[in-house]
């Protein structure tokens, strides 16, 4: 479904991503784990056109995303939940959600999707007329995910969805990610909470300084001694 081949990304003269290759199959949850600065966010930004790749290929089906402007990538069925949520704080919850559907023209189906989002996130419906900037961190994360779902994506790229959240909200967000996957949407997850990320992943990759150093199923990496020592606090 999504295939990354020999991807190289630079910030000036610094090579942030050093020729990585990996894939995501339809229906999977694939997690990228690693320390700060490993390149996880840069990979997502390269996939969605937010940073240019120096070399390599990113294909979604038969489409080479590296040849496409960022604003058109979402129309192919790719949604990005960015690190830090980036909701539009001066707009209402409802307006943020409707912006997520800006590529769609099917008004009746957009309303159906909105109803589905409200069903999944009842708090968003309760606060639909509230300014997004006044929501709690956990509620803003729910809004960012709901906004992504409004585009009716085939795959969602999630960047650090648990960052800065209380343990209660962390558990809730990961339950939501599982539900999204079980409903048929593919998920590529970047997450520093390695234990949670591996617990829901079909497969996972470990990044260190712009390179993939380990890969395997979520359970295999959860039981890998080096992963336990470096990322699971064991």
Foldseek 3Di string as FASTA:
>chain_A
DKWWFQWWFDDVPRIQAGGEIDDFDFLFEEEEEEDPSLCPQVVVCCQLQVGATPDTFIDDPNDTSNVPHNVCVVLVFEFEQHPVRPFPQQAFLQVSQVVLQVSDDPVVVLVVLVVVLCVLPVVCVVRRRPGLNPDDLLVSLSSSVSSPCSNVGQEYEYEASCPPHDPVSNVSVLVSVLVVSVVGHYYYYYHLLLVSSLVRGQKYFYGGSNYTDDIDGSVVLVPDPVSCVPRVVD
